[in-house]
C-alpha atoms as a PDB file:
ATOM      1  CA  MET A   1     113.282 101.107  94.127  1.00  0.00           C
ATOM      2  CA  PRO A   2     110.198 100.018  96.886  1.00  0.00           C
ATOM      3  CA  LEU A   3     108.564  97.426  96.862  1.00  0.00           C
ATOM      4  CA  SER A   4     104.599  96.885  95.802  1.00  0.00           C
ATOM      5  CA  SER A   5     102.621  95.545  99.006  1.00  0.00           C
ATOM      6  CA  SER A   6     102.190  92.323  96.648  1.00  0.00           C
ATOM      7  CA  SER A   7     105.805  91.761  96.312  1.00  0.00           C
ATOM      8  CA  TYR A   8     106.505  92.315 100.032  1.00  0.00           C
ATOM      9  CA  LEU A   9     103.984  89.862 100.979  1.00  0.00           C
ATOM     10  CA  TYR A  10     104.665  87.102  98.351  1.00  0.00           C
ATOM     11  CA  GLY A  11     108.184  87.731  98.228  1.00  0.00           C
ATOM     12  CA  PRO A  12     110.846  84.869  97.286  1.00  0.00           C
ATOM     13  CA  LEU A  13     111.170  84.271 101.314  1.00  0.00           C
ATOM     14  CA  THR A  14     107.568  84.627 102.238  1.00  0.00           C
ATOM     15  CA  ARG A  15     107.085  81.836  99.505  1.00  0.00           C
ATOM     16  CA  PHE A  16     109.564  79.794 100.952  1.00  0.00           C
ATOM     17  CA  GLY A  17     108.057  80.149 104.354  1.00  0.00           C
ATOM     18  CA  ILE A  18     104.629  79.356 103.446  1.00  0.00           C
ATOM     19  CA  MET A  19     105.835  76.107 101.707  1.00  0.00           C
ATOM     20  CA  VAL A  20     107.347  75.147 104.610  1.00  0.00           C
ATOM     21  CA  ALA A  21     104.517  75.972 106.842  1.00  0.00           C
ATOM     22  CA  VAL A  22     101.834  73.879 104.316  1.00  0.00           C
ATOM     23  CA  LEU A  23     104.761  70.959 104.150  1.00  0.00           C
ATOM     24  CA  VAL A  24     104.454  71.043 107.891  1.00  0.00           C
ATOM     25  CA  ALA A  25     100.807  71.318 108.684  1.00  0.00           C
ATOM     26  CA  ALA A  26     100.476  68.524 105.924  1.00  0.00           C
ATOM     27  CA  ALA A  27     102.830  66.042 107.308  1.00  0.00           C
ATOM     28  CA  ASP A  28     101.377  66.771 110.957  1.00  0.00           C
ATOM     29  CA  GLN A  29      97.922  66.108 109.833  1.00  0.00           C
ATOM     30  CA  GLY A  30      99.095  62.968 107.783  1.00  0.00           C
ATOM     31  CA  VAL A  31     100.497  61.398 110.611  1.00  0.00           C
ATOM     32  CA  LYS A  32      97.886  62.029 113.039  1.00  0.00           C
ATOM     33  CA  LEU A  33      95.312  61.000 110.407  1.00  0.00           C
ATOM     34  CA  TRP A  34      97.048  57.696 109.629  1.00  0.00           C
ATOM     35  CA  LEU A  35      97.603  57.245 113.422  1.00  0.00           C
ATOM     36  CA  LEU A  36      93.420  57.708 114.556  1.00  0.00           C
ATOM     37  CA  PHE A  37      91.953  55.903 111.540  1.00  0.00           C
ATOM     38  CA  VAL A  38      94.566  53.578 109.924  1.00  0.00           C
ATOM     39  CA  PHE A  39      96.585  52.442 112.661  1.00  0.00           C
ATOM     40  CA  ASP A  40      93.794  52.862 115.403  1.00  0.00           C
ATOM     41  CA  LEU A  41      96.426  54.238 117.883  1.00  0.00           C
ATOM     42  CA  GLY A  42      93.286  55.098 120.367  1.00  0.00           C
ATOM     43  CA  ALA A  43      92.459  51.048 119.998  1.00  0.00           C
ATOM     44  CA  LYS A  44      96.301  50.079 121.026  1.00  0.00           C
ATOM     45  CA  ALA A  45      97.935  52.526 122.863  1.00  0.00           C
ATOM     46  CA  PRO A  46     100.724  52.335 124.199  1.00  0.00           C
ATOM     47  CA  VAL A  47     102.526  51.044 121.802  1.00  0.00           C
ATOM     48  CA  HIS A  48     106.055  50.408 122.954  1.00  0.00           C
ATOM     49  CA  LEU A  49     108.450  51.214 120.648  1.00  0.00           C
ATOM     50  CA  GLY A  50     111.388  51.137 123.217  1.00  0.00           C
ATOM     51  CA  PRO A  51     112.893  51.327 126.445  1.00  0.00           C
ATOM     52  CA  PHE A  52     112.303  55.564 126.411  1.00  0.00           C
ATOM     53  CA  PHE A  53     109.641  56.105 123.596  1.00  0.00           C
ATOM     54  CA  ASP A  54     105.778  54.948 123.368  1.00  0.00           C
ATOM     55  CA  LEU A  55     103.198  56.249 121.162  1.00  0.00           C
ATOM     56  CA  VAL A  56      99.695  57.121 123.700  1.00  0.00           C
ATOM     57  CA  LEU A  57      96.683  58.781 122.064  1.00  0.00           C
ATOM     58  CA  ALA A  58      96.237  62.092 124.356  1.00  0.00           C
ATOM     59  CA  TRP A  59      93.801  64.706 123.535  1.00  0.00           C
ATOM     60  CA  ASN A  60      94.974  68.669 124.756  1.00  0.00           C
ATOM     61  CA  THR A  61      91.750  70.488 125.381  1.00  0.00           C
ATOM     62  CA  GLY A  62      94.456  73.396 126.464  1.00  0.00           C
ATOM     63  CA  ILE A  63      97.563  75.174 125.304  1.00  0.00           C
ATOM     64  CA  SER A  64     101.191  73.955 125.339  1.00  0.00           C
ATOM     65  CA  PHE A  65     101.709  71.253 127.852  1.00  0.00           C
ATOM     66  CA  SER A  66      97.990  71.467 128.735  1.00  0.00           C
ATOM     67  CA  LEU A  67      97.920  74.336 130.191  1.00  0.00           C
ATOM     68  CA  PHE A  68      94.333  76.041 130.935  1.00  0.00           C
ATOM     69  CA  PRO A  69      92.284  73.172 129.583  1.00  0.00           C
ATOM     70  CA  GLN A  70      89.157  74.132 127.527  1.00  0.00           C
ATOM     71  CA  VAL A  71      86.417  71.851 128.059  1.00  0.00           C
ATOM     72  CA  GLY A  72      83.195  73.778 126.254  1.00  0.00           C
ATOM     73  CA  PRO A  73      83.166  75.302 122.587  1.00  0.00           C
ATOM     74  CA  LEU A  74      83.664  78.966 123.868  1.00  0.00           C
ATOM     75  CA  GLY A  75      86.880  78.020 125.287  1.00  0.00           C
ATOM     76  CA  GLN A  76      88.272  76.166 122.041  1.00  0.00           C
ATOM     77  CA  TRP A  77      87.188  78.567 119.748  1.00  0.00           C
ATOM     78  CA  ALA A  78      88.882  81.100 121.520  1.00  0.00           C
ATOM     79  CA  LEU A  79      92.005  79.400 121.489  1.00  0.00           C
ATOM     80  CA  VAL A  80      91.285  79.262 117.720  1.00  0.00           C
ATOM     81  CA  GLY A  81      91.161  82.678 117.620  1.00  0.00           C
ATOM     82  CA  VAL A  82      94.095  83.244 119.298  1.00  0.00           C
ATOM     83  CA  LYS A  83      96.316  80.574 117.402  1.00  0.00           C
ATOM     84  CA  THR A  84      94.900  82.653 113.955  1.00  0.00           C
ATOM     85  CA  VAL A  85      95.740  86.198 115.272  1.00  0.00           C
ATOM     86  CA  ALA A  86      99.127  84.732 116.095  1.00  0.00           C
ATOM     87  CA  VAL A  87      99.536  83.217 112.728  1.00  0.00           C
ATOM     88  CA  LEU A  88      98.641  86.566 110.752  1.00  0.00           C
ATOM     89  CA  LEU A  89     101.206  88.113 113.142  1.00  0.00           C
ATOM     90  CA  LEU A  90     104.232  85.858 112.231  1.00  0.00           C
ATOM     91  CA  TRP A  91     102.955  85.846 108.637  1.00  0.00           C
ATOM     92  CA  VAL A  92     103.872  89.463 109.045  1.00  0.00           C
ATOM     93  CA  TRP A  93     106.836  88.719 110.617  1.00  0.00           C
ATOM     94  CA  LEU A  94     107.873  86.155 107.606  1.00  0.00           C
ATOM     95  CA  ALA A  95     107.028  88.826 104.977  1.00  0.00           C
ATOM     96  CA  ARG A  96     109.666  90.972 106.438  1.00  0.00           C
ATOM     97  CA  ALA A  97     111.937  88.057 106.869  1.00  0.00           C
ATOM     98  CA  GLY A  98     115.424  88.756 105.861  1.00  0.00           C
ATOM     99  CA  SER A  99     117.277  85.589 105.706  1.00  0.00           C
ATOM    100  CA  ARG A 100     116.186  81.919 104.290  1.00  0.00           C
ATOM    101  CA  PHE A 101     116.827  80.457 108.185  1.00  0.00           C
ATOM    102  CA  THR A 102     114.389  83.485 109.505  1.00  0.00           C
ATOM    103  CA  ALA A 103     111.753  82.443 106.841  1.00  0.00           C
ATOM    104  CA  LEU A 104     112.534  78.590 107.715  1.00  0.00           C
ATOM    105  CA  ALA A 105     111.910  78.923 111.230  1.00  0.00           C
ATOM    106  CA  LEU A 106     108.970  80.832 110.941  1.00  0.00           C
ATOM    107  CA  GLY A 107     107.503  78.538 108.390  1.00  0.00           C
ATOM    108  CA  LEU A 108     107.989  75.987 110.811  1.00  0.00           C
ATOM    109  CA  ILE A 109     105.846  77.650 113.708  1.00  0.00           C
ATOM    110  CA  ILE A 110     103.327  78.843 111.215  1.00  0.00           C
ATOM    111  CA  GLY A 111     102.784  75.320 110.083  1.00  0.00           C
ATOM    112  CA  GLY A 112     102.807  73.614 113.468  1.00  0.00           C
ATOM    113  CA  ALA A 113     100.501  76.243 114.729  1.00  0.00           C
ATOM    114  CA  VAL A 114      97.929  75.490 111.760  1.00  0.00           C
ATOM    115  CA  GLY A 115      98.712  71.607 112.224  1.00  0.00           C
ATOM    116  CA  ASN A 116      97.313  71.664 115.875  1.00  0.00           C
ATOM    117  CA  ALA A 117      94.603  74.585 114.918  1.00  0.00           C
ATOM    118  CA  VAL A 118      93.054  72.223 112.300  1.00  0.00           C
ATOM    119  CA  ASP A 119      92.952  69.397 115.381  1.00  0.00           C
ATOM    120  CA  ARG A 120      91.202  71.710 117.454  1.00  0.00           C
ATOM    121  CA  VAL A 121      88.278  72.876 114.605  1.00  0.00           C
ATOM    122  CA  ALA A 122      88.202  69.125 113.895  1.00  0.00           C
ATOM    123  CA  TYR A 123      88.119  67.304 117.392  1.00  0.00           C
ATOM    124  CA  GLY A 124      87.747  69.815 119.902  1.00  0.00           C
ATOM    125  CA  ALA A 125      91.418  69.396 121.297  1.00  0.00           C
ATOM    126  CA  VAL A 126      95.023  68.877 120.155  1.00  0.00           C
ATOM    127  CA  VAL A 127      96.181  65.184 119.372  1.00  0.00           C
ATOM    128  CA  ASP A 128      99.209  63.833 120.688  1.00  0.00           C
ATOM    129  CA  PHE A 129     100.968  61.104 120.423  1.00  0.00           C
ATOM    130  CA  VAL A 130     104.586  60.875 121.155  1.00  0.00           C
ATOM    131  CA  PHE A 131     105.714  59.903 124.650  1.00  0.00           C
ATOM    132  CA  PHE A 132     109.227  59.846 126.007  1.00  0.00           C
ATOM    133  CA  HIS A 133     109.963  58.794 129.395  1.00  0.00           C
ATOM    134  CA  VAL A 134     113.132  57.584 131.098  1.00  0.00           C
ATOM    135  CA  THR A 135     112.744  54.997 134.127  1.00  0.00           C
ATOM    136  CA  ALA A 136     115.984  54.338 136.671  1.00  0.00           C
ATOM    137  CA  ALA A 137     116.529  52.989 139.676  1.00  0.00           C
ATOM    138  CA  GLY A 138     114.924  55.256 141.926  1.00  0.00           C
ATOM    139  CA  TRP A 139     114.011  57.860 139.445  1.00  0.00           C
ATOM    140  CA  SER A 140     111.730  58.600 136.787  1.00  0.00           C
ATOM    141  CA  PHE A 141     111.558  61.431 134.154  1.00  0.00           C
ATOM    142  CA  ARG A 142     108.221  61.528 132.084  1.00  0.00           C
ATOM    143  CA  TRP A 143     108.024  64.018 129.296  1.00  0.00           C
ATOM    144  CA  TYR A 144     104.675  65.960 128.206  1.00  0.00           C
ATOM    145  CA  VAL A 145     102.754  63.953 125.144  1.00  0.00           C
ATOM    146  CA  PHE A 146     103.095  65.749 122.213  1.00  0.00           C
ATOM    147  CA  ASN A 147     102.877  65.684 118.238  1.00  0.00           C
ATOM    148  CA  LEU A 148     105.240  66.263 115.007  1.00  0.00           C
ATOM    149  CA  ALA A 149     103.256  70.091 115.081  1.00  0.00           C
ATOM    150  CA  ASP A 150     104.714  70.738 118.274  1.00  0.00           C
ATOM    151  CA  VAL A 151     108.405  69.623 117.138  1.00  0.00           C
ATOM    152  CA  ALA A 152     108.124  71.740 114.446  1.00  0.00           C
ATOM    153  CA  ILE A 153     107.040  74.857 116.613  1.00  0.00           C
ATOM    154  CA  VAL A 154     109.776  73.897 119.036  1.00  0.00           C
ATOM    155  CA  ALA A 155     112.233  73.844 116.402  1.00  0.00           C
ATOM    156  CA  GLY A 156     111.206  76.692 114.584  1.00  0.00           C
ATOM    157  CA  VAL A 157     111.745  78.870 117.723  1.00  0.00           C
ATOM    158  CA  ILE A 158     115.208  77.379 118.651  1.00  0.00           C
ATOM    159  CA  GLY A 159     115.792  78.916 114.768  1.00  0.00           C
ATOM    160  CA  LEU A 160     114.947  82.335 115.652  1.00  0.00           C
ATOM    161  CA  LEU A 161     116.692  82.123 118.868  1.00  0.00           C
ATOM    162  CA  TYR A 162     119.908  81.194 117.183  1.00  0.00           C
ATOM    163  CA  ASP A 163     119.582  83.608 114.528  1.00  0.00           C
ATOM    164  CA  SER A 164     119.026  86.192 116.726  1.00  0.00           C
ATOM    165  CA  ILE A 165     122.070  85.672 119.118  1.00  0.00           C
ATOM    166  CA  LEU A 166     124.368  84.046 116.498  1.00  0.00           C
ATOM    167  CA  GLY A 167     122.697  84.656 113.201  1.00  0.00           C
ATOM    168  CA  THR A 168     124.282  87.118 110.564  1.00  0.00           C
ATOM    169  CA  ASP A 169     122.013  89.770 111.147  1.00  0.00           C
ATOM    170  CA  ALA A 170     122.537  89.157 115.034  1.00  0.00           C
ATOM    171  CA  ALA A 171     122.777  92.213 117.094  1.00  0.00           C
ATOM    172  CA  LYS A 172     126.296  92.977 117.746  1.00  0.00           C
ATOM    173  CA  ALA A 173     128.103  94.343 120.587  1.00  0.00           C
ATOM    174  CA  PRO A 174     129.900  97.629 120.179  1.00  0.00           C
END
């Protein structure tokens, strides 16, 4: 029996993935709002939480790893448009997901993208605040500043890679 378009787009796996996306975006925005307006990270940064971990405030006007920074509103809105198209395409993929794991991974990516898009609309830049670094005799490693939405996106991509390589539906050699 063929699925109707509404049950196809809003089936149980799609609803699960959207629920994950909503939870990720809400958690991301909640943490950012708390850090900005309750904790006042901008006035306190950097906050050293350990030898390798600091909270800092960074405004990312570009895409991943601050590539292609956009200063004016035209570039910022173009990035919002690209994110919107990406989220819609991911939603179509989610609607076709064959497993709960795939729906989870896609939900993480969608939620992270929405969380960062909300920042771009509200502030003109994405709020980043997590900074990992290691300094030892003669060398140092300083990772890019990131946020909870970025963690969700990376976890979702890793989940999709795992599922495509080792998952139950992964392509098998003949």
